[in-house]
Amino acid sequence: MKSGKQRKLEIKSARLRRTTRIQSSPSPLSVDGYSSGIVWCDTTRLARRISYGAPAFIERGYYVDIAFRCRDCGVECVWTATQQKWWYEVAQGNVETTAVRCRPCRIKERERKSQARRMQQEGLQKKQAADDQ
């Protein structure tokens, strides 16, 4: 049996699907046909979660551009609504997470982690080789 919250989310997503099919004209949330940083949310594609509350974009039914400061370099960045849609719906990212690093810093952090993993594996291999002798 489904909880009231689950049923409510299903109803909202069904309404959203219905309204997006009906709308063939530009979104009412766009200005003169140009997007104003808003993308509709498809709650049926989100990763499963166990939480007491829903994030703001689920309550609203759409994503908006979010400004943030990079954790590493301190540069002001924008996490666009399109990027959020990809992260939450395609990559199945946790809906409680947000962007904290700019793109160049994310690439550096990814490289740093892969190098650390590589060094750890090399250390384990050396240790096994020493144990085998």
N, C-alpha and C. Protein backbone atom coordinates (compact mmCIF):
# COMPACT_ATOMS: atom_id res chain seq x y z
N MET A 1 0.84 -1.17 0.00
CA MET A 1 0.00 0.00 0.00
C MET A 1 0.89 1.24 0.00
N LYS A 2 0.52 2.23 -0.77
CA LYS A 2 1.31 3.45 -0.89
C LYS A 2 0.92 4.45 0.17
N SER A 3 1.93 5.23 0.57
CA SER A 3 1.66 6.28 1.55
C SER A 3 1.00 7.46 0.84
N GLY A 4 0.45 8.34 1.62
CA GLY A 4 -0.19 9.53 1.06
C GLY A 4 0.81 10.40 0.31
N LYS A 5 2.05 10.46 0.83
CA LYS A 5 3.09 11.27 0.19
C LYS A 5 3.45 10.69 -1.17
N GLN A 6 3.58 9.36 -1.26
CA GLN A 6 3.90 8.74 -2.53
C GLN A 6 2.78 8.98 -3.54
N ARG A 7 1.56 8.84 -3.10
CA ARG A 7 0.41 9.05 -3.99
C ARG A 7 0.37 10.50 -4.47
N LYS A 8 0.65 11.44 -3.56
CA LYS A 8 0.65 12.85 -3.90
C LYS A 8 1.69 13.14 -4.98
N LEU A 9 2.89 12.56 -4.85
CA LEU A 9 3.93 12.75 -5.86
C LEU A 9 3.52 12.16 -7.20
N GLU A 10 2.86 10.99 -7.19
CA GLU A 10 2.38 10.40 -8.43
C GLU A 10 1.35 11.29 -9.11
N ILE A 11 0.45 11.84 -8.33
CA ILE A 11 -0.59 12.72 -8.89
C ILE A 11 0.05 13.96 -9.50
N LYS A 12 1.03 14.56 -8.78
CA LYS A 12 1.70 15.75 -9.29
C LYS A 12 2.43 15.46 -10.59
N SER A 13 3.15 14.32 -10.64
CA SER A 13 3.89 14.00 -11.86
C SER A 13 2.94 13.71 -13.01
N ALA A 14 1.79 13.07 -12.74
CA ALA A 14 0.81 12.81 -13.79
C ALA A 14 0.24 14.12 -14.32
N ARG A 15 -0.04 15.06 -13.43
CA ARG A 15 -0.55 16.36 -13.86
C ARG A 15 0.50 17.08 -14.71
N LEU A 16 1.75 16.99 -14.27
CA LEU A 16 2.83 17.65 -15.00
C LEU A 16 2.97 17.06 -16.40
N ARG A 17 2.92 15.73 -16.51
CA ARG A 17 3.01 15.09 -17.83
C ARG A 17 1.85 15.53 -18.71
N ARG A 18 0.66 15.60 -18.12
CA ARG A 18 -0.52 15.99 -18.87
C ARG A 18 -0.39 17.43 -19.38
N THR A 19 0.09 18.32 -18.52
CA THR A 19 0.20 19.72 -18.93
C THR A 19 1.31 19.92 -19.95
N THR A 20 2.40 19.15 -19.85
CA THR A 20 3.48 19.31 -20.83
C THR A 20 3.07 18.78 -22.19
N ARG A 21 2.20 17.76 -22.24
CA ARG A 21 1.70 17.27 -23.52
C ARG A 21 0.77 18.29 -24.16
N ILE A 22 -0.03 18.95 -23.35
CA ILE A 22 -1.01 19.91 -23.85
C ILE A 22 -0.31 21.16 -24.37
N GLN A 23 0.75 21.56 -23.70
CA GLN A 23 1.45 22.79 -24.09
C GLN A 23 2.33 22.54 -25.30
N SER A 24 2.00 23.13 -26.42
CA SER A 24 2.88 23.06 -27.58
C SER A 24 3.53 24.42 -27.79
N SER A 25 2.98 25.44 -27.13
CA SER A 25 3.54 26.77 -27.21
C SER A 25 4.68 26.89 -26.20
N PRO A 26 5.45 27.99 -26.26
CA PRO A 26 6.52 28.17 -25.28
C PRO A 26 5.98 28.13 -23.85
N SER A 27 6.82 27.71 -22.96
CA SER A 27 6.45 27.57 -21.56
C SER A 27 5.98 28.91 -20.99
N PRO A 28 4.99 28.90 -20.10
CA PRO A 28 4.57 30.15 -19.49
C PRO A 28 5.66 30.72 -18.60
N LEU A 29 6.67 29.90 -18.29
CA LEU A 29 7.76 30.36 -17.45
C LEU A 29 8.91 30.90 -18.28
N SER A 30 8.74 31.02 -19.59
CA SER A 30 9.76 31.61 -20.43
C SER A 30 9.30 32.98 -20.90
N VAL A 31 10.25 33.79 -21.27
CA VAL A 31 9.94 35.15 -21.70
C VAL A 31 10.29 35.27 -23.17
N ASP A 32 9.33 35.60 -24.01
CA ASP A 32 9.53 35.76 -25.46
C ASP A 32 10.18 34.54 -26.09
N GLY A 33 9.85 33.34 -25.62
CA GLY A 33 10.39 32.13 -26.20
C GLY A 33 11.77 31.75 -25.68
N TYR A 34 12.40 32.60 -24.87
CA TYR A 34 13.72 32.30 -24.31
C TYR A 34 13.55 31.75 -22.91
N SER A 35 14.31 30.72 -22.60
CA SER A 35 14.22 30.09 -21.29
C SER A 35 14.74 31.05 -20.24
N SER A 36 14.08 31.11 -19.12
CA SER A 36 14.53 31.96 -18.02
C SER A 36 15.17 31.11 -16.93
N GLY A 37 15.87 30.03 -17.32
CA GLY A 37 16.54 29.18 -16.35
C GLY A 37 15.60 28.25 -15.63
N ILE A 38 14.55 27.82 -16.32
CA ILE A 38 13.56 26.93 -15.70
C ILE A 38 13.34 25.72 -16.61
N VAL A 39 13.40 24.52 -16.02
CA VAL A 39 13.16 23.28 -16.76
C VAL A 39 12.21 22.42 -15.93
N TRP A 40 11.22 21.83 -16.58
CA TRP A 40 10.24 21.00 -15.87
C TRP A 40 10.89 19.77 -15.28
N CYS A 41 10.39 19.33 -14.14
CA CYS A 41 10.90 18.17 -13.42
C CYS A 41 9.99 16.97 -13.68
N ASP A 42 10.60 15.82 -14.00
CA ASP A 42 9.85 14.58 -14.16
C ASP A 42 10.15 13.70 -12.96
N THR A 43 9.29 13.72 -11.97
CA THR A 43 9.55 13.03 -10.70
C THR A 43 9.57 11.51 -10.85
N THR A 44 9.04 10.99 -11.94
CA THR A 44 9.06 9.54 -12.14
C THR A 44 10.45 9.04 -12.50
N ARG A 45 11.34 9.92 -12.96
CA ARG A 45 12.69 9.52 -13.36
C ARG A 45 13.72 9.72 -12.25
N LEU A 46 13.32 10.24 -11.11
CA LEU A 46 14.25 10.48 -10.01
C LEU A 46 14.63 9.17 -9.34
N ALA A 47 15.83 9.14 -8.75
CA ALA A 47 16.28 7.95 -8.02
C ALA A 47 15.39 7.77 -6.79
N ARG A 48 15.22 6.52 -6.38
CA ARG A 48 14.44 6.25 -5.18
C ARG A 48 15.12 6.88 -3.99
N ARG A 49 14.34 7.37 -3.05
CA ARG A 49 14.91 8.00 -1.87
C ARG A 49 14.01 7.74 -0.68
N ILE A 50 14.62 7.80 0.47
CA ILE A 50 13.88 7.67 1.72
C ILE A 50 14.15 8.94 2.50
N SER A 51 13.14 9.76 2.65
CA SER A 51 13.32 11.05 3.30
C SER A 51 11.97 11.52 3.85
N TYR A 52 12.05 12.41 4.82
CA TYR A 52 10.83 12.95 5.40
C TYR A 52 10.28 14.12 4.60
N GLY A 53 11.13 14.79 3.87
CA GLY A 53 10.67 15.94 3.10
C GLY A 53 11.14 15.86 1.67
N ALA A 54 10.52 16.63 0.82
CA ALA A 54 10.89 16.66 -0.59
C ALA A 54 11.69 17.93 -0.86
N PRO A 55 12.72 17.85 -1.71
CA PRO A 55 13.47 19.05 -2.08
C PRO A 55 12.56 20.07 -2.77
N ALA A 56 13.02 21.29 -2.82
CA ALA A 56 12.20 22.39 -3.36
C ALA A 56 11.80 22.15 -4.81
N PHE A 57 12.70 21.59 -5.62
CA PHE A 57 12.35 21.42 -7.04
C PHE A 57 11.24 20.40 -7.24
N ILE A 58 11.11 19.44 -6.33
CA ILE A 58 10.01 18.48 -6.44
C ILE A 58 8.70 19.17 -6.06
N GLU A 59 8.74 19.95 -5.02
CA GLU A 59 7.53 20.69 -4.60
C GLU A 59 7.06 21.65 -5.68
N ARG A 60 8.03 22.37 -6.30
CA ARG A 60 7.69 23.33 -7.36
C ARG A 60 7.24 22.64 -8.64
N GLY A 61 7.92 21.53 -8.96
CA GLY A 61 7.63 20.84 -10.22
C GLY A 61 8.58 21.25 -11.33
N TYR A 62 9.57 22.09 -11.05
CA TYR A 62 10.54 22.50 -12.06
C TYR A 62 11.86 22.88 -11.39
N TYR A 63 12.93 22.84 -12.21
CA TYR A 63 14.25 23.23 -11.74
C TYR A 63 14.49 24.69 -12.09
N VAL A 64 15.26 25.39 -11.26
CA VAL A 64 15.66 26.76 -11.55
C VAL A 64 17.18 26.84 -11.43
N ASP A 65 17.78 27.82 -12.12
CA ASP A 65 19.22 28.02 -12.01
C ASP A 65 19.58 28.38 -10.58
N ILE A 66 20.67 27.78 -10.07
CA ILE A 66 21.10 28.03 -8.69
C ILE A 66 22.53 28.57 -8.72
N ALA A 67 22.73 29.72 -8.11
CA ALA A 67 24.07 30.30 -8.00
C ALA A 67 24.76 29.70 -6.78
N PHE A 68 26.07 29.43 -6.92
CA PHE A 68 26.85 28.90 -5.80
C PHE A 68 28.29 29.35 -5.93
N ARG A 69 29.05 29.25 -4.86
CA ARG A 69 30.46 29.60 -4.85
C ARG A 69 31.26 28.30 -4.79
N CYS A 70 32.24 28.16 -5.68
CA CYS A 70 33.06 26.95 -5.75
C CYS A 70 33.79 26.75 -4.43
N ARG A 71 33.75 25.53 -3.93
CA ARG A 71 34.37 25.19 -2.65
C ARG A 71 35.89 25.33 -2.70
N ASP A 72 36.50 25.05 -3.85
CA ASP A 72 37.95 25.06 -3.95
C ASP A 72 38.53 26.41 -4.34
N CYS A 73 38.03 26.99 -5.44
CA CYS A 73 38.64 28.23 -5.94
C CYS A 73 37.86 29.49 -5.58
N GLY A 74 36.63 29.36 -5.12
CA GLY A 74 35.85 30.52 -4.68
C GLY A 74 35.17 31.30 -5.79
N VAL A 75 35.16 30.79 -7.00
CA VAL A 75 34.54 31.47 -8.14
C VAL A 75 33.02 31.32 -8.05
N GLU A 76 32.30 32.40 -8.37
CA GLU A 76 30.84 32.35 -8.43
C GLU A 76 30.42 31.59 -9.68
N CYS A 77 29.58 30.58 -9.54
CA CYS A 77 29.12 29.76 -10.66
C CYS A 77 27.62 29.62 -10.62
N VAL A 78 27.06 29.08 -11.70
CA VAL A 78 25.63 28.82 -11.77
C VAL A 78 25.43 27.36 -12.15
N TRP A 79 24.65 26.65 -11.35
CA TRP A 79 24.26 25.28 -11.68
C TRP A 79 22.94 25.42 -12.42
N THR A 80 22.98 25.24 -13.73
CA THR A 80 21.80 25.51 -14.55
C THR A 80 20.72 24.46 -14.33
N ALA A 81 19.51 24.84 -14.68
CA ALA A 81 18.37 23.93 -14.54
C ALA A 81 18.55 22.69 -15.41
N THR A 82 19.14 22.86 -16.58
CA THR A 82 19.38 21.73 -17.48
C THR A 82 20.38 20.76 -16.86
N GLN A 83 21.45 21.29 -16.24
CA GLN A 83 22.43 20.43 -15.57
C GLN A 83 21.79 19.68 -14.41
N GLN A 84 20.93 20.36 -13.67
CA GLN A 84 20.24 19.72 -12.55
C GLN A 84 19.36 18.58 -13.05
N LYS A 85 18.63 18.84 -14.13
CA LYS A 85 17.76 17.80 -14.69
C LYS A 85 18.59 16.58 -15.07
N TRP A 86 19.74 16.78 -15.72
CA TRP A 86 20.59 15.66 -16.10
C TRP A 86 21.07 14.92 -14.85
N TRP A 87 21.55 15.66 -13.84
CA TRP A 87 22.10 15.04 -12.63
C TRP A 87 21.05 14.20 -11.90
N TYR A 88 19.87 14.76 -11.69
CA TYR A 88 18.86 14.07 -10.91
C TYR A 88 18.11 12.99 -11.70
N GLU A 89 17.81 13.23 -12.96
CA GLU A 89 16.95 12.32 -13.72
C GLU A 89 17.71 11.33 -14.60
N VAL A 90 18.81 11.74 -15.20
CA VAL A 90 19.55 10.85 -16.09
C VAL A 90 20.62 10.08 -15.30
N ALA A 91 21.46 10.82 -14.57
CA ALA A 91 22.54 10.18 -13.81
C ALA A 91 22.02 9.57 -12.50
N GLN A 92 20.77 9.82 -12.15
CA GLN A 92 20.15 9.28 -10.94
C GLN A 92 20.91 9.72 -9.68
N GLY A 93 21.36 10.97 -9.65
CA GLY A 93 22.05 11.51 -8.48
C GLY A 93 21.10 11.67 -7.31
N ASN A 94 21.67 11.71 -6.12
CA ASN A 94 20.88 11.88 -4.91
C ASN A 94 20.21 13.25 -4.94
N VAL A 95 18.91 13.30 -4.68
CA VAL A 95 18.17 14.57 -4.76
C VAL A 95 18.52 15.53 -3.63
N GLU A 96 19.24 15.06 -2.63
CA GLU A 96 19.64 15.94 -1.52
C GLU A 96 20.94 16.66 -1.81
N THR A 97 21.63 16.34 -2.93
CA THR A 97 22.91 16.95 -3.24
C THR A 97 22.76 18.17 -4.13
N THR A 98 23.76 19.05 -4.08
CA THR A 98 23.83 20.21 -4.97
C THR A 98 25.27 20.36 -5.44
N ALA A 99 25.48 21.20 -6.43
CA ALA A 99 26.82 21.44 -6.95
C ALA A 99 27.61 22.27 -5.94
N VAL A 100 28.88 21.91 -5.74
CA VAL A 100 29.74 22.66 -4.82
C VAL A 100 31.05 23.08 -5.47
N ARG A 101 31.37 22.51 -6.65
CA ARG A 101 32.61 22.85 -7.34
C ARG A 101 32.31 23.26 -8.79
N CYS A 102 33.13 24.18 -9.30
CA CYS A 102 33.02 24.56 -10.71
C CYS A 102 33.59 23.43 -11.57
N ARG A 103 33.37 23.48 -12.84
CA ARG A 103 33.78 22.40 -13.73
C ARG A 103 35.29 22.13 -13.68
N PRO A 104 36.17 23.15 -13.81
CA PRO A 104 37.61 22.86 -13.75
C PRO A 104 38.02 22.22 -12.42
N CYS A 105 37.44 22.66 -11.31
CA CYS A 105 37.78 22.08 -10.01
C CYS A 105 37.24 20.66 -9.89
N ARG A 106 36.09 20.37 -10.49
CA ARG A 106 35.57 18.99 -10.49
C ARG A 106 36.52 18.07 -11.23
N ILE A 107 37.07 18.55 -12.36
CA ILE A 107 38.00 17.74 -13.15
C ILE A 107 39.27 17.49 -12.34
N LYS A 108 39.79 18.54 -11.68
CA LYS A 108 41.00 18.38 -10.85
C LYS A 108 40.75 17.40 -9.71
N GLU A 109 39.59 17.50 -9.06
CA GLU A 109 39.27 16.60 -7.94
C GLU A 109 39.14 15.15 -8.42
N ARG A 110 38.54 14.96 -9.58
CA ARG A 110 38.42 13.62 -10.15
C ARG A 110 39.79 13.02 -10.43
N GLU A 111 40.71 13.83 -11.00
CA GLU A 111 42.07 13.37 -11.27
C GLU A 111 42.80 13.04 -9.97
N ARG A 112 42.64 13.90 -8.95
CA ARG A 112 43.29 13.68 -7.67
C ARG A 112 42.84 12.36 -7.05
N LYS A 113 41.54 12.09 -7.12
CA LYS A 113 41.01 10.84 -6.56
C LYS A 113 41.51 9.63 -7.33
N SER A 114 41.55 9.73 -8.65
CA SER A 114 42.01 8.58 -9.44
C SER A 114 43.49 8.32 -9.19
N GLN A 115 44.29 9.37 -9.02
CA GLN A 115 45.71 9.20 -8.72
C GLN A 115 45.88 8.57 -7.34
N ALA A 116 45.08 8.99 -6.38
CA ALA A 116 45.15 8.40 -5.04
C ALA A 116 44.79 6.92 -5.08
N ARG A 117 43.77 6.56 -5.86
CA ARG A 117 43.40 5.15 -6.00
C ARG A 117 44.52 4.34 -6.64
N ARG A 118 45.14 4.92 -7.68
CA ARG A 118 46.23 4.26 -8.37
C ARG A 118 47.40 4.00 -7.41
N MET A 119 47.75 5.02 -6.62
CA MET A 119 48.85 4.87 -5.67
C MET A 119 48.52 3.83 -4.60
N GLN A 120 47.28 3.79 -4.16
CA GLN A 120 46.87 2.80 -3.16
C GLN A 120 47.00 1.39 -3.74
N GLN A 121 46.56 1.21 -4.98
CA GLN A 121 46.66 -0.10 -5.62
C GLN A 121 48.12 -0.53 -5.79
N GLU A 122 48.98 0.43 -6.16
CA GLU A 122 50.41 0.12 -6.29
C GLU A 122 50.99 -0.30 -4.95
N GLY A 123 50.61 0.40 -3.88
CA GLY A 123 51.08 0.05 -2.55
C GLY A 123 50.62 -1.34 -2.13
N LEU A 124 49.36 -1.67 -2.43
CA LEU A 124 48.85 -3.00 -2.10
C LEU A 124 49.58 -4.09 -2.89
N GLN A 125 49.86 -3.81 -4.16
CA GLN A 125 50.57 -4.79 -4.97
C GLN A 125 51.99 -5.01 -4.44
N LYS A 126 52.68 -3.92 -4.04
CA LYS A 126 54.03 -4.05 -3.47
C LYS A 126 53.99 -4.85 -2.18
N LYS A 127 52.97 -4.59 -1.37
CA LYS A 127 52.84 -5.30 -0.11
C LYS A 127 52.60 -6.79 -0.34
N GLN A 128 51.75 -7.12 -1.30
CA GLN A 128 51.49 -8.53 -1.62
C GLN A 128 52.74 -9.20 -2.16
N ALA A 129 53.49 -8.48 -2.99
CA ALA A 129 54.74 -9.05 -3.54
C ALA A 129 55.74 -9.32 -2.43
N ALA A 130 55.82 -8.40 -1.46
CA ALA A 130 56.75 -8.57 -0.33
C ALA A 130 56.30 -9.73 0.56
N ASP A 131 55.00 -9.90 0.73
CA ASP A 131 54.47 -10.99 1.56
C ASP A 131 54.69 -12.35 0.89
N ASP A 132 54.63 -12.37 -0.46
CA ASP A 132 54.79 -13.63 -1.18
C ASP A 132 56.24 -14.13 -1.13
N GLN A 133 57.19 -13.23 -0.94
CA GLN A 133 58.60 -13.64 -0.94
C GLN A 133 59.01 -14.21 0.36
